[in-house]
Amino acid sequence: MDKNVLAARLKHQNSSNDGNAKSSAASKWEKLKAFKNVAMEADSDKVVVGVRVRPLNKIELDEENKECFKKVGKQMIREKLFGPDIAGTSLQGKEYVYDHVFGPKNSTLDVYERVAKPLIGQAMEGFNSTVFAYGQTSSGKTHTLMGSESEPGITMHAINEVFQKIEEVSFRRGE
């Protein structure tokens, strides 16, 4: 959604109040809720794409394979090409840009915090949210989603977050 449309909707929502004198705190709260609703609507169609470059596994290391992609900044990966070109200079592979790029040293928790965690609050407010992993066989999809005992996956982190939020709401209500 365009920022001008967002501002116009917020202005319309604020001007459509009935004009009664409300307390300053209540008025600010209503404006905050209106802005939050409009902002959520603006992000409701957003698709976020993250890429995780996994480290080489034991078999690949034993075979002396080399990594095919390198993380270049927070949003870019570069394909590694091996060997010199005809002129004898090093080859540069294609570069790809994503919303988030995670290198071999990033943990599953890093992936969760930047990609999946923001969706939990939206889901708890009734918005549909989906996280899925896509890639070739042995690219790390199951490890990222399910994890291991020593490094829980995105799914376990999300479940823990949901139950923590339920507990917080229950505590506030005195249940």
C-alpha atoms as a PDB file:
ATOM      1  CA  MET A   1       0.000   0.000   0.000  1.00  0.00           C
ATOM      2  CA  ASP A   2       1.296   3.460  -0.944  1.00  0.00           C
ATOM      3  CA  LYS A   3       2.420   5.698   1.965  1.00  0.00           C
ATOM      4  CA  ASN A   4       0.104   8.491   0.744  1.00  0.00           C
ATOM      5  CA  VAL A   5      -2.886   6.134   0.814  1.00  0.00           C
ATOM      6  CA  LEU A   6      -1.846   5.004   4.307  1.00  0.00           C
ATOM      7  CA  ALA A   7      -1.641   8.622   5.515  1.00  0.00           C
ATOM      8  CA  ALA A   8      -4.984   9.509   3.897  1.00  0.00           C
ATOM      9  CA  ARG A   9      -6.740   6.554   5.552  1.00  0.00           C
ATOM     10  CA  LEU A  10      -5.258   7.429   8.923  1.00  0.00           C
ATOM     11  CA  LYS A  11      -6.306  11.074   8.519  1.00  0.00           C
ATOM     12  CA  HIS A  12      -9.825   9.983   7.519  1.00  0.00           C
ATOM     13  CA  GLN A  13     -10.094   7.656  10.520  1.00  0.00           C
ATOM     14  CA  ASN A  14      -8.934  10.422  12.857  1.00  0.00           C
ATOM     15  CA  SER A  15     -11.285  13.038  11.360  1.00  0.00           C
ATOM     16  CA  SER A  16     -14.282  10.716  11.453  1.00  0.00           C
ATOM     17  CA  ASN A  17     -14.307  10.645  15.268  1.00  0.00           C
ATOM     18  CA  ASP A  18     -17.536  12.063  16.676  1.00  0.00           C
ATOM     19  CA  GLY A  19     -15.911  15.256  18.063  1.00  0.00           C
ATOM     20  CA  ASN A  20     -16.765  14.554  21.707  1.00  0.00           C
ATOM     21  CA  ALA A  21     -14.050  15.622  24.122  1.00  0.00           C
ATOM     22  CA  LYS A  22     -12.250  12.450  25.103  1.00  0.00           C
ATOM     23  CA  SER A  23      -9.428  12.307  27.572  1.00  0.00           C
ATOM     24  CA  SER A  24      -6.049  12.890  25.979  1.00  0.00           C
ATOM     25  CA  ALA A  25      -4.813   9.371  26.831  1.00  0.00           C
ATOM     26  CA  ALA A  26      -7.913   7.699  25.396  1.00  0.00           C
ATOM     27  CA  SER A  27      -7.669   9.806  22.228  1.00  0.00           C
ATOM     28  CA  LYS A  28      -4.002   8.900  21.763  1.00  0.00           C
ATOM     29  CA  TRP A  29      -4.853   5.230  22.311  1.00  0.00           C
ATOM     30  CA  GLU A  30      -7.564   5.362  19.627  1.00  0.00           C
ATOM     31  CA  LYS A  31      -5.165   7.030  17.184  1.00  0.00           C
ATOM     32  CA  LEU A  32      -2.525   4.402  17.901  1.00  0.00           C
ATOM     33  CA  LYS A  33      -5.026   1.585  17.324  1.00  0.00           C
ATOM     34  CA  ALA A  34      -6.209   3.212  14.072  1.00  0.00           C
ATOM     35  CA  PHE A  35      -2.637   3.609  12.838  1.00  0.00           C
ATOM     36  CA  LYS A  36      -1.829   0.012  13.793  1.00  0.00           C
ATOM     37  CA  ASN A  37      -4.868  -1.282  11.893  1.00  0.00           C
ATOM     38  CA  VAL A  38      -3.985   0.715   8.784  1.00  0.00           C
ATOM     39  CA  ALA A  39      -0.315  -0.309   9.007  1.00  0.00           C
ATOM     40  CA  MET A  40      -1.269  -3.983   9.393  1.00  0.00           C
ATOM     41  CA  GLU A  41      -3.504  -3.686   6.345  1.00  0.00           C
ATOM     42  CA  ALA A  42      -0.586  -2.182   4.415  1.00  0.00           C
ATOM     43  CA  ASP A  43       1.660  -5.159   5.245  1.00  0.00           C
ATOM     44  CA  SER A  44      -1.011  -7.831   4.900  1.00  0.00           C
ATOM     45  CA  ASP A  45      -0.026  -8.807   1.356  1.00  0.00           C
ATOM     46  CA  LYS A  46       3.715  -8.751   1.911  1.00  0.00           C
ATOM     47  CA  VAL A  47       5.739 -11.820   1.067  1.00  0.00           C
ATOM     48  CA  VAL A  48       9.150 -11.964   2.709  1.00  0.00           C
ATOM     49  CA  VAL A  49      11.819 -14.134   1.131  1.00  0.00           C
ATOM     50  CA  GLY A  50      14.821 -15.296   3.106  1.00  0.00           C
ATOM     51  CA  VAL A  51      17.635 -17.495   1.898  1.00  0.00           C
ATOM     52  CA  ARG A  52      19.880 -19.602   4.102  1.00  0.00           C
ATOM     53  CA  VAL A  53      23.267 -20.757   2.821  1.00  0.00           C
ATOM     54  CA  ARG A  54      24.036 -23.880   4.801  1.00  0.00           C
ATOM     55  CA  PRO A  55      27.540 -24.984   5.709  1.00  0.00           C
ATOM     56  CA  LEU A  56      29.066 -27.917   3.901  1.00  0.00           C
ATOM     57  CA  ASN A  57      28.261 -31.254   5.543  1.00  0.00           C
ATOM     58  CA  LYS A  58      30.805 -33.917   6.523  1.00  0.00           C
ATOM     59  CA  ILE A  59      30.530 -35.813   3.221  1.00  0.00           C
ATOM     60  CA  GLU A  60      31.027 -32.616   1.212  1.00  0.00           C
ATOM     61  CA  LEU A  61      34.019 -31.627   3.334  1.00  0.00           C
ATOM     62  CA  ASP A  62      35.546 -35.120   2.981  1.00  0.00           C
ATOM     63  CA  GLU A  63      35.157 -34.832  -0.812  1.00  0.00           C
ATOM     64  CA  GLU A  64      36.816 -31.392  -0.620  1.00  0.00           C
ATOM     65  CA  ASN A  65      33.813 -29.708  -2.185  1.00  0.00           C
ATOM     66  CA  LYS A  66      33.606 -25.920  -2.103  1.00  0.00           C
ATOM     67  CA  GLU A  67      30.685 -23.658  -1.207  1.00  0.00           C
ATOM     68  CA  CYS A  68      28.765 -22.506  -4.280  1.00  0.00           C
ATOM     69  CA  PHE A  69      27.322 -19.313  -2.780  1.00  0.00           C
ATOM     70  CA  LYS A  70      28.708 -16.628  -0.528  1.00  0.00           C
ATOM     71  CA  LYS A  71      26.717 -14.270   1.675  1.00  0.00           C
ATOM     72  CA  VAL A  72      27.449 -10.678   0.659  1.00  0.00           C
ATOM     73  CA  GLY A  73      25.776  -8.334   3.144  1.00  0.00           C
ATOM     74  CA  LYS A  74      22.384  -8.800   4.767  1.00  0.00           C
ATOM     75  CA  GLN A  75      20.392  -9.141   1.546  1.00  0.00           C
ATOM     76  CA  MET A  76      22.666 -10.528  -1.152  1.00  0.00           C
ATOM     77  CA  ILE A  77      24.332 -13.786  -2.072  1.00  0.00           C
ATOM     78  CA  ARG A  78      26.852 -14.258  -4.854  1.00  0.00           C
ATOM     79  CA  GLU A  79      27.352 -17.396  -6.879  1.00  0.00           C
ATOM     80  CA  LYS A  80      30.936 -18.613  -6.708  1.00  0.00           C
ATOM     81  CA  LEU A  81      32.481 -19.677  -9.986  1.00  0.00           C
ATOM     82  CA  PHE A  82      35.725 -21.613  -9.884  1.00  0.00           C
ATOM     83  CA  GLY A  83      38.720 -21.236 -12.158  1.00  0.00           C
ATOM     84  CA  PRO A  84      39.925 -18.335 -14.283  1.00  0.00           C
ATOM     85  CA  ASP A  85      38.115 -17.142 -17.384  1.00  0.00           C
ATOM     86  CA  ILE A  86      39.793 -17.063 -20.814  1.00  0.00           C
ATOM     87  CA  ALA A  87      41.641 -13.826 -19.973  1.00  0.00           C
ATOM     88  CA  GLY A  88      43.002 -15.411 -16.776  1.00  0.00           C
ATOM     89  CA  THR A  89      41.001 -13.253 -14.373  1.00  0.00           C
ATOM     90  CA  SER A  90      38.783 -14.628 -11.619  1.00  0.00           C
ATOM     91  CA  LEU A  91      35.183 -15.271 -12.579  1.00  0.00           C
ATOM     92  CA  GLN A  92      32.347 -13.498 -10.780  1.00  0.00           C
ATOM     93  CA  GLY A  93      29.024 -15.272 -10.489  1.00  0.00           C
ATOM     94  CA  LYS A  94      25.559 -13.799 -10.491  1.00  0.00           C
ATOM     95  CA  GLU A  95      24.297 -11.883  -7.482  1.00  0.00           C
ATOM     96  CA  TYR A  96      20.856 -12.444  -5.977  1.00  0.00           C
ATOM     97  CA  VAL A  97      19.023 -10.088  -3.617  1.00  0.00           C
ATOM     98  CA  TYR A  98      16.470 -11.220  -1.006  1.00  0.00           C
ATOM     99  CA  ASP A  99      14.744  -9.674   1.999  1.00  0.00           C
ATOM    100  CA  HIS A 100      17.051 -11.649   4.309  1.00  0.00           C
ATOM    101  CA  VAL A 101      20.188 -13.699   3.688  1.00  0.00           C
ATOM    102  CA  PHE A 102      21.612 -16.041   6.297  1.00  0.00           C
ATOM    103  CA  GLY A 103      25.093 -17.469   5.956  1.00  0.00           C
ATOM    104  CA  PRO A 104      26.528 -20.738   7.249  1.00  0.00           C
ATOM    105  CA  LYS A 105      27.383 -19.129  10.602  1.00  0.00           C
ATOM    106  CA  ASN A 106      23.825 -17.899  11.252  1.00  0.00           C
ATOM    107  CA  SER A 107      21.800 -20.031  13.657  1.00  0.00           C
ATOM    108  CA  THR A 108      18.234 -21.199  13.216  1.00  0.00           C
ATOM    109  CA  LEU A 109      17.331 -18.742  15.985  1.00  0.00           C
ATOM    110  CA  ASP A 110      18.710 -15.923  13.788  1.00  0.00           C
ATOM    111  CA  VAL A 111      16.442 -17.082  10.963  1.00  0.00           C
ATOM    112  CA  TYR A 112      13.455 -17.313  13.323  1.00  0.00           C
ATOM    113  CA  GLU A 113      14.030 -13.870  14.868  1.00  0.00           C
ATOM    114  CA  ARG A 114      14.200 -12.065  11.519  1.00  0.00           C
ATOM    115  CA  VAL A 115      11.726 -14.021   9.399  1.00  0.00           C
ATOM    116  CA  ALA A 116       9.152 -15.903  11.476  1.00  0.00           C
ATOM    117  CA  LYS A 117       8.882 -14.101  14.828  1.00  0.00           C
ATOM    118  CA  PRO A 118       7.279 -10.954  13.360  1.00  0.00           C
ATOM    119  CA  LEU A 119       4.432 -13.160  12.098  1.00  0.00           C
ATOM    120  CA  ILE A 120       3.549 -14.531  15.544  1.00  0.00           C
ATOM    121  CA  GLY A 121       2.031 -11.275  16.798  1.00  0.00           C
ATOM    122  CA  GLN A 122       0.030 -10.925  13.584  1.00  0.00           C
ATOM    123  CA  ALA A 123      -1.193 -14.511  13.844  1.00  0.00           C
ATOM    124  CA  MET A 124      -2.239 -13.937  17.464  1.00  0.00           C
ATOM    125  CA  GLU A 125      -4.333 -10.995  16.248  1.00  0.00           C
ATOM    126  CA  GLY A 126      -6.117 -13.173  13.689  1.00  0.00           C
ATOM    127  CA  PHE A 127      -4.055 -12.537  10.572  1.00  0.00           C
ATOM    128  CA  ASN A 128      -3.074 -15.480   8.388  1.00  0.00           C
ATOM    129  CA  SER A 129       0.642 -16.153   8.337  1.00  0.00           C
ATOM    130  CA  THR A 130       2.674 -18.871   6.674  1.00  0.00           C
ATOM    131  CA  VAL A 131       6.305 -19.891   6.815  1.00  0.00           C
ATOM    132  CA  PHE A 132       7.556 -22.556   4.461  1.00  0.00           C
ATOM    133  CA  ALA A 133      10.888 -23.817   3.250  1.00  0.00           C
ATOM    134  CA  TYR A 134      11.624 -24.525  -0.383  1.00  0.00           C
ATOM    135  CA  GLY A 135      14.740 -25.998  -1.909  1.00  0.00           C
ATOM    136  CA  GLN A 136      16.403 -29.039  -3.348  1.00  0.00           C
ATOM    137  CA  THR A 137      17.036 -32.271  -1.472  1.00  0.00           C
ATOM    138  CA  SER A 138      19.600 -31.891   1.356  1.00  0.00           C
ATOM    139  CA  SER A 139      19.512 -28.093   1.251  1.00  0.00           C
ATOM    140  CA  GLY A 140      18.565 -27.779   4.954  1.00  0.00           C
ATOM    141  CA  LYS A 141      14.789 -27.262   4.851  1.00  0.00           C
ATOM    142  CA  THR A 142      13.947 -29.797   7.573  1.00  0.00           C
ATOM    143  CA  HIS A 143      16.824 -28.674   9.763  1.00  0.00           C
ATOM    144  CA  THR A 144      15.699 -25.037   9.523  1.00  0.00           C
ATOM    145  CA  LEU A 145      12.047 -25.821  10.263  1.00  0.00           C
ATOM    146  CA  MET A 146      12.392 -28.708  12.725  1.00  0.00           C
ATOM    147  CA  GLY A 147      15.931 -28.290  14.038  1.00  0.00           C
ATOM    148  CA  SER A 148      17.574 -30.663  16.470  1.00  0.00           C
ATOM    149  CA  GLU A 149      17.726 -31.128  20.219  1.00  0.00           C
ATOM    150  CA  SER A 150      20.736 -28.825  20.443  1.00  0.00           C
ATOM    151  CA  GLU A 151      19.381 -26.229  17.976  1.00  0.00           C
ATOM    152  CA  PRO A 152      15.558 -26.040  17.836  1.00  0.00           C
ATOM    153  CA  GLY A 153      14.021 -25.145  14.493  1.00  0.00           C
ATOM    154  CA  ILE A 154      11.688 -22.343  13.516  1.00  0.00           C
ATOM    155  CA  THR A 155       8.635 -24.478  14.336  1.00  0.00           C
ATOM    156  CA  MET A 156       9.670 -25.060  17.961  1.00  0.00           C
ATOM    157  CA  HIS A 157      10.563 -21.391  18.456  1.00  0.00           C
ATOM    158  CA  ALA A 158       7.169 -20.363  17.028  1.00  0.00           C
ATOM    159  CA  ILE A 159       5.244 -22.816  19.220  1.00  0.00           C
ATOM    160  CA  ASN A 160       7.087 -21.584  22.317  1.00  0.00           C
ATOM    161  CA  GLU A 161       6.345 -17.962  21.383  1.00  0.00           C
ATOM    162  CA  VAL A 162       2.619 -18.674  20.860  1.00  0.00           C
ATOM    163  CA  PHE A 163       2.287 -20.384  24.233  1.00  0.00           C
ATOM    164  CA  GLN A 164       4.255 -17.614  25.917  1.00  0.00           C
ATOM    165  CA  LYS A 165       1.874 -15.003  24.460  1.00  0.00           C
ATOM    166  CA  ILE A 166      -1.167 -17.047  25.559  1.00  0.00           C
ATOM    167  CA  GLU A 167       0.290 -17.223  29.073  1.00  0.00           C
ATOM    168  CA  GLU A 168       0.897 -13.444  29.099  1.00  0.00           C
ATOM    169  CA  VAL A 169      -2.693 -12.717  28.058  1.00  0.00           C
ATOM    170  CA  SER A 170      -4.073 -15.188  30.623  1.00  0.00           C
ATOM    171  CA  PHE A 171      -1.918 -13.607  33.342  1.00  0.00           C
ATOM    172  CA  ARG A 172      -3.170 -10.099  32.459  1.00  0.00           C
ATOM    173  CA  ARG A 173      -6.756 -11.303  32.617  1.00  0.00           C
ATOM    174  CA  GLY A 174      -6.137 -13.015  35.947  1.00  0.00           C
ATOM    175  CA  GLU A 175      -7.002 -16.476  34.635  1.00  0.00           C
END
